[in-house]
Protein backbone atom coordinates (compact mmCIF):
# COMPACT_ATOMS: atom_id res chain seq x y z
CA UNK A 1 185.21 22.62 38.07
CA UNK A 2 187.53 20.87 40.52
CA UNK A 3 187.14 17.32 41.89
CA UNK A 4 188.66 16.66 45.32
CA UNK A 5 188.77 13.59 47.51
CA UNK A 6 190.17 14.74 50.85
CA UNK A 7 188.95 16.99 53.65
CA UNK A 8 192.23 18.92 53.52
CA UNK A 9 191.70 19.86 49.86
CA UNK A 10 188.14 21.10 50.47
CA UNK A 11 189.18 23.20 53.46
CA UNK A 12 192.09 24.81 51.63
CA UNK A 13 189.91 25.78 48.66
CA UNK A 14 187.05 27.14 50.78
CA UNK A 15 189.48 29.16 52.92
CA UNK A 16 190.91 30.70 49.74
CA UNK A 17 187.44 31.64 48.51
CA UNK A 18 186.49 33.16 51.84
CA UNK A 19 189.68 35.23 51.90
CA UNK A 20 188.39 36.76 48.66
CA UNK A 21 185.06 37.52 50.37
CA UNK A 22 183.14 34.95 48.31
CA UNK A 23 180.00 33.21 49.57
CA UNK A 24 179.82 29.41 49.55
CA UNK A 25 176.83 27.12 49.04
CA UNK A 26 176.77 23.39 49.77
CA UNK A 27 174.58 20.71 48.19
CA UNK A 28 175.04 17.41 50.07
CA UNK A 29 174.17 14.35 47.93
CA UNK A 30 174.67 10.59 47.91
CA UNK A 31 175.36 10.64 44.18
CA UNK A 32 173.54 9.25 41.13
CA UNK A 33 172.29 12.76 40.54
CA UNK A 34 169.01 13.53 38.74
CA UNK A 35 166.91 16.61 37.95
CA UNK A 36 165.92 16.95 41.61
CA UNK A 37 169.55 17.34 42.62
CA UNK A 38 170.08 19.63 39.63
CA UNK A 39 167.39 21.98 40.94
CA UNK A 40 169.23 22.22 44.28
CA UNK A 41 172.56 22.93 42.58
CA UNK A 42 170.90 25.52 40.34
CA UNK A 43 169.42 27.34 43.32
CA UNK A 44 172.79 27.24 45.09
CA UNK A 45 174.55 28.66 42.02
CA UNK A 46 172.00 31.48 41.86
CA UNK A 47 172.48 32.42 45.51
CA UNK A 48 176.23 31.94 46.08
CA UNK A 49 179.55 32.88 44.49
CA UNK A 50 180.88 29.31 44.75
CA UNK A 51 179.07 25.99 45.11
CA UNK A 52 180.39 22.73 46.58
CA UNK A 53 178.53 19.50 45.80
CA UNK A 54 179.39 16.56 48.03
CA UNK A 55 178.96 13.12 46.47
CA UNK A 56 179.20 10.69 49.37
CA UNK A 57 177.21 7.50 49.80
CA UNK A 58 177.05 7.66 53.57
CA UNK A 59 177.16 4.16 55.08
CA UNK A 60 176.05 5.24 58.56
CA UNK A 61 172.49 6.08 57.47
CA UNK A 62 171.82 2.61 56.06
CA UNK A 63 170.56 -0.22 58.24
CA UNK A 64 172.05 -3.73 57.91
CA UNK A 65 169.21 -4.96 55.65
CA UNK A 66 169.00 -1.79 53.50
CA UNK A 67 170.27 -1.10 50.00
CA UNK A 68 173.76 0.36 50.54
CA UNK A 69 175.49 -2.11 48.22
CA UNK A 70 172.81 -1.89 45.54
CA UNK A 71 172.48 1.91 45.64
CA UNK A 72 173.19 3.24 42.12
CA UNK A 73 176.48 5.03 41.44
CA UNK A 74 177.81 7.01 38.45
CA UNK A 75 180.41 9.53 39.58
CA UNK A 76 181.44 10.65 36.09
CA UNK A 77 177.84 11.45 35.15
CA UNK A 78 177.44 13.26 38.48
CA UNK A 79 180.46 15.44 37.69
CA UNK A 80 179.19 16.28 34.21
CA UNK A 81 175.86 17.40 35.66
CA UNK A 82 177.53 19.51 38.37
CA UNK A 83 179.85 21.17 35.89
CA UNK A 84 177.05 21.90 33.41
CA UNK A 85 175.08 23.79 36.07
CA UNK A 86 178.04 25.75 37.42
CA UNK A 87 179.26 24.01 40.57
CA UNK A 88 182.83 25.01 41.42
CA UNK A 89 183.91 21.88 43.32
CA UNK A 90 182.81 18.28 43.82
CA UNK A 91 183.88 16.61 47.06
CA UNK A 92 183.93 12.80 46.70
CA UNK A 93 185.55 11.20 49.77
CA UNK A 94 185.95 7.53 50.60
CA UNK A 95 184.18 6.34 53.77
CA UNK A 96 187.62 5.99 55.41
CA UNK A 97 188.22 9.70 54.80
CA UNK A 98 184.99 10.63 56.62
CA UNK A 99 185.05 7.99 59.37
CA UNK A 100 188.18 6.90 61.22
CA UNK A 101 188.36 3.20 62.04
CA UNK A 102 187.69 4.00 65.72
CA UNK A 103 184.98 6.62 65.02
CA UNK A 104 182.52 6.81 67.94
CA UNK A 105 181.01 10.33 68.00
CA UNK A 106 177.42 10.77 66.80
CA UNK A 107 174.95 13.61 66.34
CA UNK A 108 171.54 12.29 67.32
CA UNK A 109 168.11 13.84 67.76
CA UNK A 110 165.07 13.01 69.83
CA UNK A 111 161.38 13.58 68.97
CA UNK A 112 161.59 14.63 65.29
CA UNK A 113 163.44 11.46 64.30
CA UNK A 114 161.03 9.03 65.97
CA UNK A 115 158.07 9.38 63.57
CA UNK A 116 157.54 8.72 59.83
CA UNK A 117 160.71 7.23 58.30
CA UNK A 118 162.38 7.16 61.73
CA UNK A 119 159.97 4.43 62.90
CA UNK A 120 161.06 1.85 60.35
CA UNK A 121 164.64 3.16 59.92
CA UNK A 122 165.74 3.70 63.55
CA UNK A 123 169.42 4.52 62.87
CA UNK A 124 168.83 6.51 59.68
CA UNK A 125 168.61 10.05 61.02
CA UNK A 126 171.50 9.59 63.43
CA UNK A 127 173.61 8.82 60.36
CA UNK A 128 172.14 11.77 58.46
CA UNK A 129 172.71 14.28 61.27
CA UNK A 130 176.24 13.04 61.84
CA UNK A 131 177.36 13.19 58.22
CA UNK A 132 175.66 16.53 57.54
CA UNK A 133 177.29 18.00 60.67
CA UNK A 134 180.65 16.74 59.43
CA UNK A 135 180.07 18.25 55.98
CA UNK A 136 179.06 21.56 57.55
CA UNK A 137 182.27 21.54 59.63
CA UNK A 138 184.41 20.62 56.63
CA UNK A 139 182.92 23.01 54.05
CA UNK A 140 181.72 25.81 56.40
CA UNK A 141 179.10 26.96 53.86
CA UNK A 142 176.96 30.07 54.13
CA UNK A 143 173.96 28.12 52.85
CA UNK A 144 173.08 24.46 52.37
CA UNK A 145 170.37 23.05 50.09
CA UNK A 146 167.97 20.15 50.67
CA UNK A 147 164.91 18.88 48.81
CA UNK A 148 161.34 18.83 50.09
CA UNK A 149 160.91 15.22 48.94
CA UNK A 150 162.86 14.25 52.06
CA UNK A 151 160.67 16.53 54.15
CA UNK A 152 161.43 14.89 57.50
CA UNK A 153 165.16 15.12 56.79
CA UNK A 154 164.78 18.82 55.92
CA UNK A 155 162.92 19.50 59.17
CA UNK A 156 165.53 17.57 61.16
CA UNK A 157 168.45 19.44 59.55
CA UNK A 158 166.75 22.78 60.26
CA UNK A 159 166.20 21.82 63.90
CA UNK A 160 169.78 20.57 64.26
CA UNK A 161 171.13 23.87 62.89
CA UNK A 162 168.92 25.81 65.30
CA UNK A 163 169.60 23.65 68.36
CA UNK A 164 173.38 23.52 67.83
CA UNK A 165 173.66 27.21 66.86
CA UNK A 166 175.21 26.51 63.48
CA UNK A 167 175.76 29.66 61.42
CA UNK A 168 174.27 28.23 58.22
CA UNK A 169 171.12 29.09 56.28
CA UNK A 170 169.15 25.98 55.28
CA UNK A 171 167.33 26.36 51.96
CA UNK A 172 164.52 23.92 51.13
CA UNK A 173 163.65 23.34 47.46
CA UNK A 174 160.42 21.94 45.95
CA UNK A 175 159.92 18.35 44.82
CA UNK A 176 160.89 17.76 41.19
CA UNK A 177 158.64 15.26 39.40
CA UNK A 178 158.65 13.23 36.21
CA UNK A 179 156.14 14.30 33.54
CA UNK A 180 153.69 11.67 34.83
CA UNK A 181 153.99 12.92 38.42
CA UNK A 182 156.41 10.42 40.02
CA UNK A 183 158.79 12.20 42.39
CA UNK A 184 162.39 12.06 41.12
CA UNK A 185 164.49 9.61 43.12
CA UNK A 186 167.72 7.69 42.59
CA UNK A 187 165.79 4.60 43.74
CA UNK A 188 163.39 4.88 40.78
CA UNK A 189 166.05 3.00 38.82
CA UNK A 190 165.23 -0.12 40.85
CA UNK A 191 161.72 -0.27 39.33
CA UNK A 192 160.94 -2.52 36.37
CA UNK A 193 158.42 -1.34 33.78
CA UNK A 194 155.40 -2.74 35.60
CA UNK A 195 156.56 -1.39 38.97
CA UNK A 196 157.27 2.02 37.44
CA UNK A 197 153.62 2.28 36.36
CA UNK A 198 152.44 1.06 39.76
CA UNK A 199 154.61 3.69 41.52
CA UNK A 200 152.37 6.44 40.13
CA UNK A 201 149.93 5.56 42.91
CA UNK A 202 152.08 7.65 45.28
CA UNK A 203 151.72 10.91 43.34
CA UNK A 204 148.06 10.13 42.61
CA UNK A 205 147.33 9.78 46.32
CA UNK A 206 149.30 12.98 47.04
CA UNK A 207 147.19 14.80 44.45
CA UNK A 208 144.02 13.41 46.07
CA UNK A 209 145.08 14.56 49.54
CA UNK A 210 146.08 18.01 48.30
CA UNK A 211 142.72 18.45 46.58
CA UNK A 212 140.80 17.39 49.68
CA UNK A 213 142.69 19.89 51.84
CA UNK A 214 142.32 22.63 49.20
CA UNK A 215 138.56 21.92 49.14
CA UNK A 216 138.37 22.49 52.89
CA UNK A 217 138.84 19.07 54.51
CA UNK A 218 140.84 19.46 57.73
CA UNK A 219 140.42 16.04 59.38
CA UNK A 220 143.71 14.17 59.25
CA UNK A 221 141.86 10.88 59.66
CA UNK A 222 139.54 11.54 56.71
CA UNK A 223 142.39 12.63 54.42
CA UNK A 224 144.66 9.75 55.43
CA UNK A 225 141.91 7.15 55.00
CA UNK A 226 141.15 8.42 51.49
CA UNK A 227 144.83 8.37 50.54
CA UNK A 228 145.33 4.89 52.02
CA UNK A 229 142.30 3.59 50.10
CA UNK A 230 143.78 5.06 46.92
CA UNK A 231 147.16 3.43 47.49
CA UNK A 232 145.58 0.07 48.37
CA UNK A 233 143.81 0.11 44.99
CA UNK A 234 147.23 -0.67 43.49
CA UNK A 235 147.99 -4.39 44.05
CA UNK A 236 151.78 -3.90 43.88
CA UNK A 237 151.82 -1.25 46.62
CA UNK A 238 152.52 -2.04 50.26
CA UNK A 239 152.18 0.88 52.70
CA UNK A 240 154.89 1.60 55.25
CA UNK A 241 153.08 4.70 56.53
CA UNK A 242 150.73 7.51 55.55
CA UNK A 243 150.77 10.22 58.19
CA UNK A 244 149.80 13.84 58.82
CA UNK A 245 152.22 15.65 61.12
CA UNK A 246 153.15 19.12 62.26
CA UNK A 247 155.68 20.43 59.76
CA UNK A 248 158.06 21.64 62.46
CA UNK A 249 157.86 19.00 65.20
CA UNK A 250 157.04 15.97 62.99
CA UNK A 251 154.42 14.94 65.57
CA UNK A 252 151.02 13.56 64.47
CA UNK A 253 148.14 16.02 64.14
CA UNK A 254 144.38 15.50 64.13
CA UNK A 255 143.66 18.70 62.20
CA UNK A 256 145.47 19.52 58.97
CA UNK A 257 146.42 23.17 59.02
CA UNK A 258 149.59 25.12 58.25
CA UNK A 259 152.34 24.21 58.76
CA UNK A 260 151.37 20.57 58.24
CA UNK A 261 153.10 17.79 56.34
CA UNK A 262 151.22 14.85 54.85
CA UNK A 263 153.82 12.20 54.05
CA UNK A 264 154.01 8.58 52.96
CA UNK A 265 156.43 5.73 52.40
CA UNK A 266 155.24 2.92 50.14
CA UNK A 267 156.93 -0.23 48.89
CA UNK A 268 156.50 -1.00 45.20
CA UNK A 269 157.88 -4.50 45.00
CA UNK A 270 161.10 -4.31 47.06
CA UNK A 271 161.63 -0.59 46.44
CA UNK A 272 160.69 1.86 49.17
CA UNK A 273 159.54 5.22 47.80
CA UNK A 274 158.49 8.40 49.60
CA UNK A 275 156.30 11.36 48.67
CA UNK A 276 154.52 14.18 50.47
CA UNK A 277 152.81 17.53 50.34
CA UNK A 278 153.08 20.52 52.63
CA UNK A 279 150.12 22.62 53.78
CA UNK A 280 151.13 26.28 53.93
CA UNK A 281 149.32 29.46 54.87
C-alpha cells in the first residue's frame, strides 16, 4: 500500500491504473478510522480493482466553535487498518495542499442542506460538498463509498452527483454498531465511562422508532414524540433534533413511509452524536 501527500502523486497513480483498465473506488474519511470506515473500505475492495482512502480532516466543514482542534487523529493506525483490508493507496494531504491561501470557490446546495444537521451547522454541508467535489476531481473514481450513519450527507452527495452530472456511482453502506448498539463514531472517544453508558439512549430510541413503524405506526408526530420521551428519560442527554424527513429531499414529512429517514442529533455532555433509521419498501 502506498501513502501519498500531494494531488500530483494521486493523479499520476490513478492515471496509471486507468491505463491498465482498472476500476478505482474512493473512500473519503477524516481519519481516526474505526469498524464503520473498515466496512466502507471492505465494500470498495470487493467492488473495485484499486481503492483509494483519503484521510483528510477537512477544516471547511467545521464551524468556529466546533471540535476541529480536538478531533482525534492517528494516521499510523489508519494506515495499518487500510492496508489490512486491501486499500492500494492512502491520500493524506495538508490543508494547504487542498486549499490555496486565496481559495474562494465553493460547492453549495439549497434545500437538502437546510434541515437536520444543516440547521445547527449552517456551513457544514458547504464544506462537505466542496471537499468531496475536490476529491472526486482529484481521484476520478468509478465509485465512492459513504456510510448511512451520516444519512443527510449521503443524500446530499447523491444529489450533488446527480445535479452536477458527475460520472461516479455513490454506494451507501449500513451503520456499523458496537455490541451494545451504539453507532460507531470517531467522536465516541470523547465520552467518559458515564457518558458512554448514557449514549446508548440514541440506539434505544432508534430501536423504539423502528419497532413502532414496523408495527404499523405511520404518524411522524407519534413516532417522534415517543422517541423524544425516550431520549429525555436520560438525564445526560440534550436533544438537538429528532425529525422524520423524506429520504431523498430531506424535507419534513407527516406520514412515515418509504423512502423516509428518521434521524436525530443528541448531545451527551459536550459530545454531539447522531443516529438514524431508514424506512424502505
